[in-house]
Amino acid sequence: MLSSRNSGHRNLFRAAAFIFVLATVGMNLRSWFTDPFASLHIVSWVLLLGSLGLAVHGFMLLAVVGQPQGRIDKTTVLVTIGAYRYIRHPLYASLLLLAWGAFLKQPSLPGTVLAAAATASLIATARAEEVELSQKFGTAYAEYRKSTKMFIPYVF
């Protein structure tokens, strides 16, 4: 049986991550289209487009391959193809790309704090979720963890 305590922590961390990501986006929203060809803005757009692509890809795989029961995050099959072949949390990675892409629109100390807080919250969310997934999928998930990284292929 999955621990409701872990699920509560995951939901709390996830909510905090969403708040920090949205705050980062909101803080820099006015500068998104000013000087769109500046080098930082180009890097930002690459991260933002990567975020969108990774989110769409991750949701599609969960919906089709994961055979969810009810909500999309209640999969019955461990997904290990596509982006999940390289990273365990593509949807959280997409939020990381969104946070840092938004940050790069107008870097600042408060933006750094928000993006870093989003990153810490997403790491905490993923770790809490991994406890649940280990309980749910057992040895298969343990083997999967050994062969993949959390957010960035071959790195982290």
Protein backbone atom coordinates (compact mmCIF):
# COMPACT_ATOMS: atom_id res chain seq x y z
CA MET A 1 0.00 0.00 0.00
CA LEU A 2 1.27 3.47 -0.87
CA SER A 3 2.03 5.77 2.00
CA SER A 4 -0.46 8.62 2.29
CA ARG A 5 2.21 10.57 4.17
CA ASN A 6 4.53 10.42 1.15
CA SER A 7 1.68 11.36 -1.15
CA GLY A 8 0.92 14.36 1.06
CA HIS A 9 4.54 15.47 0.96
CA ARG A 10 4.67 15.03 -2.80
CA ASN A 11 1.53 17.10 -3.24
CA LEU A 12 2.84 19.84 -0.94
CA PHE A 13 6.20 19.96 -2.74
CA ARG A 14 4.47 19.90 -6.13
CA ALA A 15 2.17 22.78 -5.16
CA ALA A 16 5.16 24.81 -3.95
CA ALA A 17 6.99 24.09 -7.22
CA PHE A 18 4.00 25.30 -9.27
CA ILE A 19 3.80 28.49 -7.20
CA PHE A 20 7.52 29.20 -7.62
CA VAL A 21 7.41 28.48 -11.36
CA LEU A 22 4.35 30.68 -11.87
CA ALA A 23 5.92 33.46 -9.80
CA THR A 24 9.06 33.30 -11.95
CA VAL A 25 6.98 33.46 -15.14
CA GLY A 26 4.85 36.30 -13.79
CA MET A 27 7.84 38.27 -12.56
CA ASN A 28 9.44 38.34 -16.00
CA LEU A 29 6.37 38.26 -18.25
CA ARG A 30 6.70 41.89 -19.37
CA SER A 31 10.19 41.29 -20.70
CA TRP A 32 9.38 38.19 -22.77
CA PHE A 33 9.16 40.02 -26.07
CA THR A 34 11.56 42.89 -25.49
CA ASP A 35 14.78 42.44 -27.44
CA PRO A 36 13.77 38.93 -28.57
CA PHE A 37 17.08 38.24 -30.34
CA ALA A 38 19.34 38.96 -27.38
CA SER A 39 21.48 35.92 -26.59
CA LEU A 40 19.83 35.30 -23.20
CA HIS A 41 16.39 35.51 -24.80
CA ILE A 42 17.38 32.98 -27.45
CA VAL A 43 18.58 30.56 -24.77
CA SER A 44 15.39 31.28 -22.86
CA TRP A 45 13.21 30.47 -25.88
CA VAL A 46 15.09 27.21 -26.41
CA LEU A 47 14.39 26.23 -22.79
CA LEU A 48 10.75 27.31 -23.01
CA LEU A 49 10.13 25.42 -26.25
CA GLY A 50 11.93 22.40 -24.79
CA SER A 51 9.65 22.65 -21.77
CA LEU A 52 6.56 22.59 -23.95
CA GLY A 53 7.79 19.70 -26.10
CA LEU A 54 8.84 17.62 -23.10
CA ALA A 55 5.53 18.22 -21.33
CA VAL A 56 3.45 17.21 -24.35
CA HIS A 57 5.63 14.15 -24.99
CA GLY A 58 5.57 13.09 -21.32
CA PHE A 59 1.80 13.44 -20.97
CA MET A 60 1.21 11.51 -24.20
CA LEU A 61 3.40 8.63 -23.03
CA LEU A 62 1.72 8.50 -19.63
CA ALA A 63 -1.74 8.53 -21.23
CA VAL A 64 -1.01 5.89 -23.86
CA VAL A 65 1.70 3.62 -22.46
CA GLY A 66 1.11 4.13 -18.73
CA GLN A 67 -2.52 3.01 -18.94
CA PRO A 68 -3.69 5.37 -16.19
CA GLN A 69 -6.67 4.56 -14.02
CA GLY A 70 -8.54 7.78 -13.42
CA ARG A 71 -5.93 10.55 -13.21
CA ILE A 72 -2.93 10.71 -15.54
CA ASP A 73 -0.51 10.27 -12.62
CA LYS A 74 -2.13 6.97 -11.61
CA THR A 75 -0.45 4.78 -14.20
CA THR A 76 -0.68 1.02 -14.03
CA VAL A 77 2.34 0.37 -16.27
CA LEU A 78 5.87 1.66 -15.68
CA VAL A 79 6.72 3.88 -18.67
CA THR A 80 10.33 3.42 -19.82
CA ILE A 81 10.25 4.54 -23.46
CA GLY A 82 10.64 7.90 -25.16
CA ALA A 83 11.92 10.57 -22.80
CA TYR A 84 11.36 8.15 -19.92
CA ARG A 85 14.13 6.00 -21.37
CA TYR A 86 16.62 8.70 -20.35
CA ILE A 87 15.02 10.53 -17.43
CA ARG A 88 12.57 9.42 -14.77
CA HIS A 89 10.66 12.69 -14.48
CA PRO A 90 10.17 14.40 -17.85
CA LEU A 91 7.17 16.40 -16.62
CA TYR A 92 9.11 17.80 -13.69
CA ALA A 93 12.07 18.41 -16.00
CA SER A 94 9.72 20.40 -18.24
CA LEU A 95 8.82 22.58 -15.25
CA LEU A 96 12.53 23.08 -14.55
CA LEU A 97 13.03 24.22 -18.14
CA LEU A 98 10.04 26.54 -17.80
CA ALA A 99 11.30 28.09 -14.56
CA TRP A 100 14.84 28.67 -15.81
CA GLY A 101 13.66 29.75 -19.24
CA ALA A 102 11.39 32.34 -17.64
CA PHE A 103 14.21 33.41 -15.32
CA LEU A 104 16.51 34.10 -18.28
CA LYS A 105 14.03 36.60 -19.73
CA GLN A 106 15.19 39.08 -17.10
CA PRO A 107 17.70 37.62 -14.63
CA SER A 108 17.60 39.10 -11.15
CA LEU A 109 18.33 38.10 -7.58
CA PRO A 110 14.61 37.56 -6.74
CA GLY A 111 14.26 35.55 -9.97
CA THR A 112 17.25 33.44 -9.00
CA VAL A 113 15.68 32.74 -5.62
CA LEU A 114 12.34 31.77 -7.21
CA ALA A 115 13.90 29.52 -9.87
CA ALA A 116 16.15 27.89 -7.26
CA ALA A 117 13.15 27.35 -4.96
CA ALA A 118 11.23 25.79 -7.87
CA THR A 119 14.20 23.51 -8.53
CA ALA A 120 14.45 22.45 -4.87
CA SER A 121 10.69 21.84 -4.73
CA LEU A 122 10.77 19.73 -7.88
CA ILE A 123 13.66 17.66 -6.56
CA ALA A 124 11.74 17.10 -3.31
CA THR A 125 8.61 16.21 -5.29
CA ALA A 126 10.48 13.70 -7.42
CA ARG A 127 12.14 12.08 -4.41
CA ALA A 128 8.82 11.69 -2.59
CA GLU A 129 7.25 10.28 -5.75
CA GLU A 130 10.10 7.82 -6.18
CA VAL A 131 9.33 6.29 -2.80
CA GLU A 132 5.75 5.72 -3.98
CA LEU A 133 6.86 4.35 -7.35
CA SER A 134 9.33 1.99 -5.65
CA GLN A 135 6.50 0.64 -3.51
CA LYS A 136 4.18 0.36 -6.50
CA PHE A 137 6.53 -1.15 -9.11
CA GLY A 138 9.12 -2.81 -6.84
CA THR A 139 12.22 -4.32 -8.43
CA ALA A 140 11.29 -3.03 -11.89
CA TYR A 141 11.45 0.55 -10.62
CA ALA A 142 14.70 -0.08 -8.74
CA GLU A 143 16.31 -1.32 -11.96
CA TYR A 144 14.86 1.60 -13.90
CA ARG A 145 16.33 4.07 -11.38
CA LYS A 146 19.78 2.55 -11.87
CA SER A 147 19.65 3.06 -15.63
CA THR A 148 18.22 6.61 -15.78
CA LYS A 149 18.81 10.06 -14.37
CA MET A 150 16.22 12.14 -12.55
CA PHE A 151 15.91 15.21 -14.80
CA ILE A 152 18.84 15.62 -17.19
CA PRO A 153 20.02 12.67 -19.33
CA TYR A 154 23.48 11.40 -18.36
CA VAL A 155 23.88 14.21 -15.77
CA PHE A 156 21.25 14.47 -13.00
